[in-house]
Amino acid sequence: MSDTHGFTEHDTDATSHHIVSPLEYTFVYVALIIGTIVTVLVADVDLGVFNPIIALAIASLKAMIVILFFMHVKYQSKLVKMTVAAGFFTFLVLITMTLTDYMSRAWGMW
């Protein structure tokens, strides 16, 4: 038996969806709020050249939470997880190169 999309009733991987409970969304919401509070508190502390590094680390952690739960990557196949991880790795490489350029601009000015 085949429906209009070409899936049979046994193709549960292609037709089923993971249902996330409201409690799990509440935990994600609380984690993002805590991340925002930590970002605001760390912004008031003078850490020298580490301010942008810490701010980007917190932002990357919050982005990872959004990617995993709101985009439902946590419940997808390994291929989807690998594709998203490759994109996130590329993002981290670009941020690292940007921070390297940013921190090296002050060299030799002392």
N, C-alpha and C. Protein backbone atom coordinates (compact mmCIF):
# COMPACT_ATOMS: atom_id res chain seq x y z
N MET A 1 0.83 -1.18 0.00
CA MET A 1 0.00 0.00 0.00
C MET A 1 0.88 1.25 0.00
N SER A 2 0.57 2.19 -0.86
CA SER A 2 1.38 3.39 -0.99
C SER A 2 0.49 4.61 -0.97
N ASP A 3 0.93 5.63 -0.25
CA ASP A 3 0.14 6.86 -0.25
C ASP A 3 0.61 7.75 -1.39
N THR A 4 0.15 8.96 -1.46
CA THR A 4 0.46 9.84 -2.59
C THR A 4 1.91 10.30 -2.60
N HIS A 5 2.63 10.17 -1.50
CA HIS A 5 4.02 10.61 -1.45
C HIS A 5 5.00 9.49 -1.73
N GLY A 6 4.53 8.29 -1.95
CA GLY A 6 5.42 7.19 -2.26
C GLY A 6 5.92 6.45 -1.04
N PHE A 7 5.44 6.79 0.14
CA PHE A 7 5.84 6.09 1.36
C PHE A 7 4.81 5.02 1.68
N THR A 8 5.28 3.89 2.13
CA THR A 8 4.35 2.86 2.58
C THR A 8 4.07 3.06 4.05
N GLU A 9 3.16 2.30 4.57
CA GLU A 9 2.82 2.46 5.98
C GLU A 9 3.94 1.98 6.90
N HIS A 10 4.93 1.29 6.33
CA HIS A 10 6.06 0.81 7.13
C HIS A 10 7.22 1.80 7.17
N ASP A 11 7.14 2.88 6.41
CA ASP A 11 8.19 3.89 6.38
C ASP A 11 8.01 4.86 7.53
N THR A 12 8.23 4.40 8.74
CA THR A 12 7.98 5.24 9.91
C THR A 12 9.02 6.33 10.05
N ASP A 13 10.25 6.10 9.56
CA ASP A 13 11.29 7.12 9.69
C ASP A 13 10.97 8.35 8.85
N ALA A 14 10.37 8.16 7.70
CA ALA A 14 10.09 9.29 6.81
C ALA A 14 8.79 10.01 7.17
N THR A 15 7.90 9.35 7.88
CA THR A 15 6.60 9.95 8.13
C THR A 15 6.36 10.33 9.58
N SER A 16 7.14 9.82 10.50
CA SER A 16 6.90 10.12 11.91
C SER A 16 7.72 11.33 12.34
N HIS A 17 7.23 12.00 13.36
CA HIS A 17 7.90 13.16 13.90
C HIS A 17 8.03 12.99 15.39
N HIS A 18 9.13 13.50 15.91
CA HIS A 18 9.32 13.46 17.36
C HIS A 18 8.51 14.60 17.98
N ILE A 19 7.77 14.28 19.01
CA ILE A 19 6.96 15.29 19.68
C ILE A 19 7.71 15.72 20.95
N VAL A 20 7.96 17.00 21.05
CA VAL A 20 8.70 17.56 22.17
C VAL A 20 7.69 18.01 23.22
N SER A 21 7.94 17.64 24.45
CA SER A 21 7.01 17.99 25.52
C SER A 21 7.17 19.47 25.91
N PRO A 22 6.11 20.05 26.45
CA PRO A 22 6.23 21.44 26.93
C PRO A 22 7.27 21.59 28.04
N LEU A 23 7.47 20.55 28.83
CA LEU A 23 8.48 20.61 29.89
C LEU A 23 9.88 20.76 29.30
N GLU A 24 10.13 20.05 28.21
CA GLU A 24 11.44 20.17 27.56
C GLU A 24 11.65 21.56 26.98
N TYR A 25 10.60 22.12 26.37
CA TYR A 25 10.68 23.50 25.87
C TYR A 25 10.88 24.48 27.02
N THR A 26 10.32 24.20 28.17
CA THR A 26 10.52 25.06 29.34
C THR A 26 11.97 25.02 29.78
N PHE A 27 12.58 23.84 29.80
CA PHE A 27 13.99 23.74 30.15
C PHE A 27 14.87 24.49 29.16
N VAL A 28 14.55 24.39 27.88
CA VAL A 28 15.30 25.11 26.86
C VAL A 28 15.15 26.62 27.06
N TYR A 29 13.94 27.06 27.34
CA TYR A 29 13.67 28.48 27.58
C TYR A 29 14.48 28.99 28.77
N VAL A 30 14.47 28.22 29.85
CA VAL A 30 15.22 28.62 31.05
C VAL A 30 16.72 28.66 30.75
N ALA A 31 17.22 27.69 30.00
CA ALA A 31 18.64 27.68 29.64
C ALA A 31 19.01 28.91 28.82
N LEU A 32 18.15 29.30 27.88
CA LEU A 32 18.42 30.49 27.07
C LEU A 32 18.33 31.77 27.90
N ILE A 33 17.41 31.84 28.84
CA ILE A 33 17.31 33.01 29.72
C ILE A 33 18.55 33.10 30.59
N ILE A 34 18.99 31.97 31.14
CA ILE A 34 20.21 31.96 31.96
C ILE A 34 21.41 32.39 31.12
N GLY A 35 21.48 31.91 29.87
CA GLY A 35 22.57 32.33 28.99
C GLY A 35 22.55 33.82 28.71
N THR A 36 21.36 34.39 28.58
CA THR A 36 21.24 35.83 28.37
C THR A 36 21.67 36.60 29.61
N ILE A 37 21.28 36.14 30.77
CA ILE A 37 21.68 36.80 32.02
C ILE A 37 23.20 36.74 32.20
N VAL A 38 23.78 35.57 31.92
CA VAL A 38 25.24 35.43 32.02
C VAL A 38 25.94 36.36 31.04
N THR A 39 25.38 36.49 29.84
CA THR A 39 25.97 37.41 28.85
C THR A 39 25.97 38.84 29.36
N VAL A 40 24.86 39.26 29.95
CA VAL A 40 24.77 40.63 30.47
C VAL A 40 25.73 40.83 31.64
N LEU A 41 25.82 39.85 32.52
CA LEU A 41 26.72 39.97 33.67
C LEU A 41 28.19 39.98 33.25
N VAL A 42 28.54 39.15 32.28
CA VAL A 42 29.94 39.10 31.83
C VAL A 42 30.30 40.37 31.07
N ALA A 43 29.32 41.00 30.42
CA ALA A 43 29.60 42.22 29.67
C ALA A 43 30.03 43.36 30.59
N ASP A 44 29.61 43.33 31.86
CA ASP A 44 29.99 44.36 32.82
C ASP A 44 31.37 44.15 33.42
N VAL A 45 31.94 42.97 33.24
CA VAL A 45 33.25 42.65 33.81
C VAL A 45 34.32 42.92 32.75
N ASP A 46 35.38 43.61 33.16
CA ASP A 46 36.47 43.90 32.23
C ASP A 46 37.43 42.73 32.19
N LEU A 47 37.40 41.99 31.10
CA LEU A 47 38.28 40.83 30.94
C LEU A 47 39.37 41.07 29.90
N GLY A 48 39.51 42.32 29.49
CA GLY A 48 40.54 42.65 28.51
C GLY A 48 40.21 42.09 27.14
N VAL A 49 41.19 41.40 26.54
CA VAL A 49 40.99 40.84 25.21
C VAL A 49 40.05 39.63 25.21
N PHE A 50 39.73 39.12 26.39
CA PHE A 50 38.87 37.94 26.46
C PHE A 50 37.38 38.27 26.44
N ASN A 51 37.00 39.55 26.49
CA ASN A 51 35.58 39.91 26.43
C ASN A 51 34.90 39.38 25.18
N PRO A 52 35.43 39.63 23.96
CA PRO A 52 34.74 39.09 22.79
C PRO A 52 34.77 37.57 22.71
N ILE A 53 35.83 36.96 23.24
CA ILE A 53 35.92 35.50 23.21
C ILE A 53 34.84 34.88 24.09
N ILE A 54 34.69 35.41 25.30
CA ILE A 54 33.67 34.89 26.21
C ILE A 54 32.27 35.16 25.67
N ALA A 55 32.05 36.36 25.12
CA ALA A 55 30.73 36.70 24.57
C ALA A 55 30.37 35.78 23.40
N LEU A 56 31.34 35.52 22.52
CA LEU A 56 31.07 34.63 21.40
C LEU A 56 30.90 33.18 21.83
N ALA A 57 31.59 32.77 22.88
CA ALA A 57 31.41 31.41 23.39
C ALA A 57 30.01 31.22 23.95
N ILE A 58 29.52 32.20 24.70
CA ILE A 58 28.17 32.12 25.24
C ILE A 58 27.14 32.15 24.12
N ALA A 59 27.36 33.02 23.14
CA ALA A 59 26.43 33.09 21.99
C ALA A 59 26.44 31.79 21.19
N SER A 60 27.60 31.18 21.04
CA SER A 60 27.67 29.90 20.32
C SER A 60 26.95 28.80 21.08
N LEU A 61 27.07 28.79 22.39
CA LEU A 61 26.36 27.80 23.20
C LEU A 61 24.85 27.98 23.06
N LYS A 62 24.39 29.22 23.11
CA LYS A 62 22.96 29.47 22.95
C LYS A 62 22.50 29.11 21.54
N ALA A 63 23.33 29.37 20.54
CA ALA A 63 22.97 28.98 19.17
C ALA A 63 22.88 27.46 19.04
N MET A 64 23.77 26.74 19.71
CA MET A 64 23.73 25.29 19.66
C MET A 64 22.45 24.76 20.31
N ILE A 65 22.00 25.38 21.39
CA ILE A 65 20.75 24.98 22.02
C ILE A 65 19.58 25.21 21.07
N VAL A 66 19.58 26.35 20.40
CA VAL A 66 18.50 26.64 19.44
C VAL A 66 18.53 25.65 18.29
N ILE A 67 19.71 25.35 17.77
CA ILE A 67 19.82 24.42 16.65
C ILE A 67 19.35 23.03 17.06
N LEU A 68 19.75 22.57 18.23
CA LEU A 68 19.40 21.22 18.66
C LEU A 68 17.91 21.05 18.94
N PHE A 69 17.31 22.02 19.61
CA PHE A 69 15.94 21.82 20.07
C PHE A 69 14.89 22.49 19.19
N PHE A 70 15.06 23.75 18.83
CA PHE A 70 14.04 24.42 18.05
C PHE A 70 14.06 24.00 16.59
N MET A 71 15.22 23.61 16.08
CA MET A 71 15.31 23.12 14.71
C MET A 71 15.20 21.59 14.68
N HIS A 72 15.02 20.96 15.83
CA HIS A 72 14.81 19.51 15.99
C HIS A 72 15.96 18.67 15.42
N VAL A 73 17.16 19.21 15.42
CA VAL A 73 18.32 18.45 14.92
C VAL A 73 18.65 17.30 15.86
N LYS A 74 18.36 17.46 17.12
CA LYS A 74 18.65 16.41 18.10
C LYS A 74 17.94 15.10 17.75
N TYR A 75 16.81 15.19 17.08
CA TYR A 75 15.99 14.01 16.80
C TYR A 75 16.08 13.56 15.34
N GLN A 76 17.04 14.09 14.58
CA GLN A 76 17.16 13.76 13.17
C GLN A 76 18.18 12.64 12.96
N SER A 77 18.35 12.26 11.70
CA SER A 77 19.27 11.19 11.36
C SER A 77 20.72 11.67 11.51
N LYS A 78 21.63 10.72 11.45
CA LYS A 78 23.05 11.05 11.60
C LYS A 78 23.55 11.92 10.45
N LEU A 79 22.97 11.76 9.27
CA LEU A 79 23.38 12.58 8.13
C LEU A 79 23.02 14.05 8.35
N VAL A 80 21.84 14.30 8.87
CA VAL A 80 21.43 15.68 9.16
C VAL A 80 22.30 16.26 10.25
N LYS A 81 22.57 15.47 11.29
CA LYS A 81 23.43 15.94 12.38
C LYS A 81 24.83 16.27 11.87
N MET A 82 25.37 15.45 10.97
CA MET A 82 26.70 15.69 10.42
C MET A 82 26.71 16.96 9.56
N THR A 83 25.66 17.17 8.80
CA THR A 83 25.58 18.36 7.95
C THR A 83 25.52 19.62 8.80
N VAL A 84 24.71 19.60 9.84
CA VAL A 84 24.60 20.76 10.73
C VAL A 84 25.92 20.96 11.48
N ALA A 85 26.55 19.88 11.92
CA ALA A 85 27.83 19.99 12.62
C ALA A 85 28.90 20.58 11.70
N ALA A 86 28.88 20.23 10.42
CA ALA A 86 29.85 20.79 9.48
C ALA A 86 29.63 22.30 9.32
N GLY A 87 28.37 22.71 9.26
CA GLY A 87 28.09 24.14 9.18
C GLY A 87 28.50 24.87 10.44
N PHE A 88 28.25 24.28 11.59
CA PHE A 88 28.64 24.89 12.86
C PHE A 88 30.15 24.94 12.99
N PHE A 89 30.85 23.90 12.52
CA PHE A 89 32.31 23.91 12.54
C PHE A 89 32.86 25.01 11.65
N THR A 90 32.26 25.18 10.48
CA THR A 90 32.68 26.27 9.59
C THR A 90 32.47 27.61 10.25
N PHE A 91 31.36 27.78 10.95
CA PHE A 91 31.10 29.01 11.70
C PHE A 91 32.19 29.25 12.74
N LEU A 92 32.56 28.21 13.48
CA LEU A 92 33.60 28.36 14.50
C LEU A 92 34.96 28.70 13.88
N VAL A 93 35.27 28.12 12.73
CA VAL A 93 36.54 28.44 12.05
C VAL A 93 36.54 29.91 11.64
N LEU A 94 35.45 30.40 11.08
CA LEU A 94 35.38 31.79 10.66
C LEU A 94 35.47 32.75 11.85
N ILE A 95 34.82 32.40 12.96
CA ILE A 95 34.90 33.24 14.16
C ILE A 95 36.33 33.24 14.70
N THR A 96 36.99 32.09 14.70
CA THR A 96 38.37 32.00 15.17
C THR A 96 39.29 32.86 14.32
N MET A 97 39.11 32.81 13.00
CA MET A 97 39.95 33.63 12.13
C MET A 97 39.67 35.11 12.36
N THR A 98 38.43 35.47 12.57
CA THR A 98 38.09 36.87 12.84
C THR A 98 38.71 37.34 14.14
N LEU A 99 38.62 36.53 15.19
CA LEU A 99 39.21 36.91 16.48
C LEU A 99 40.73 36.98 16.40
N THR A 100 41.34 36.10 15.63
CA THR A 100 42.80 36.15 15.46
C THR A 100 43.21 37.47 14.81
N ASP A 101 42.47 37.89 13.79
CA ASP A 101 42.76 39.17 13.14
C ASP A 101 42.51 40.32 14.11
N TYR A 102 41.43 40.26 14.86
CA TYR A 102 41.07 41.33 15.80
C TYR A 102 42.14 41.50 16.88
N MET A 103 42.60 40.37 17.44
CA MET A 103 43.58 40.45 18.53
C MET A 103 44.97 40.80 18.03
N SER A 104 45.28 40.48 16.77
CA SER A 104 46.63 40.76 16.28
C SER A 104 46.80 42.21 15.80
N ARG A 105 45.76 42.97 15.71
CA ARG A 105 45.88 44.36 15.23
C ARG A 105 46.61 45.25 16.22
N ALA A 106 46.62 44.92 17.49
CA ALA A 106 47.29 45.75 18.49
C ALA A 106 48.75 45.36 18.69
N TRP A 107 49.22 44.32 17.99
CA TRP A 107 50.60 43.90 18.16
C TRP A 107 51.55 45.00 17.68
N GLY A 108 52.58 45.23 18.44
CA GLY A 108 53.58 46.21 18.06
C GLY A 108 53.25 47.63 18.45
N MET A 109 52.08 47.89 19.04
CA MET A 109 51.69 49.24 19.42
C MET A 109 52.15 49.60 20.82
N TRP A 110 52.71 48.66 21.53
CA TRP A 110 53.16 48.96 22.89
C TRP A 110 54.55 49.43 22.79
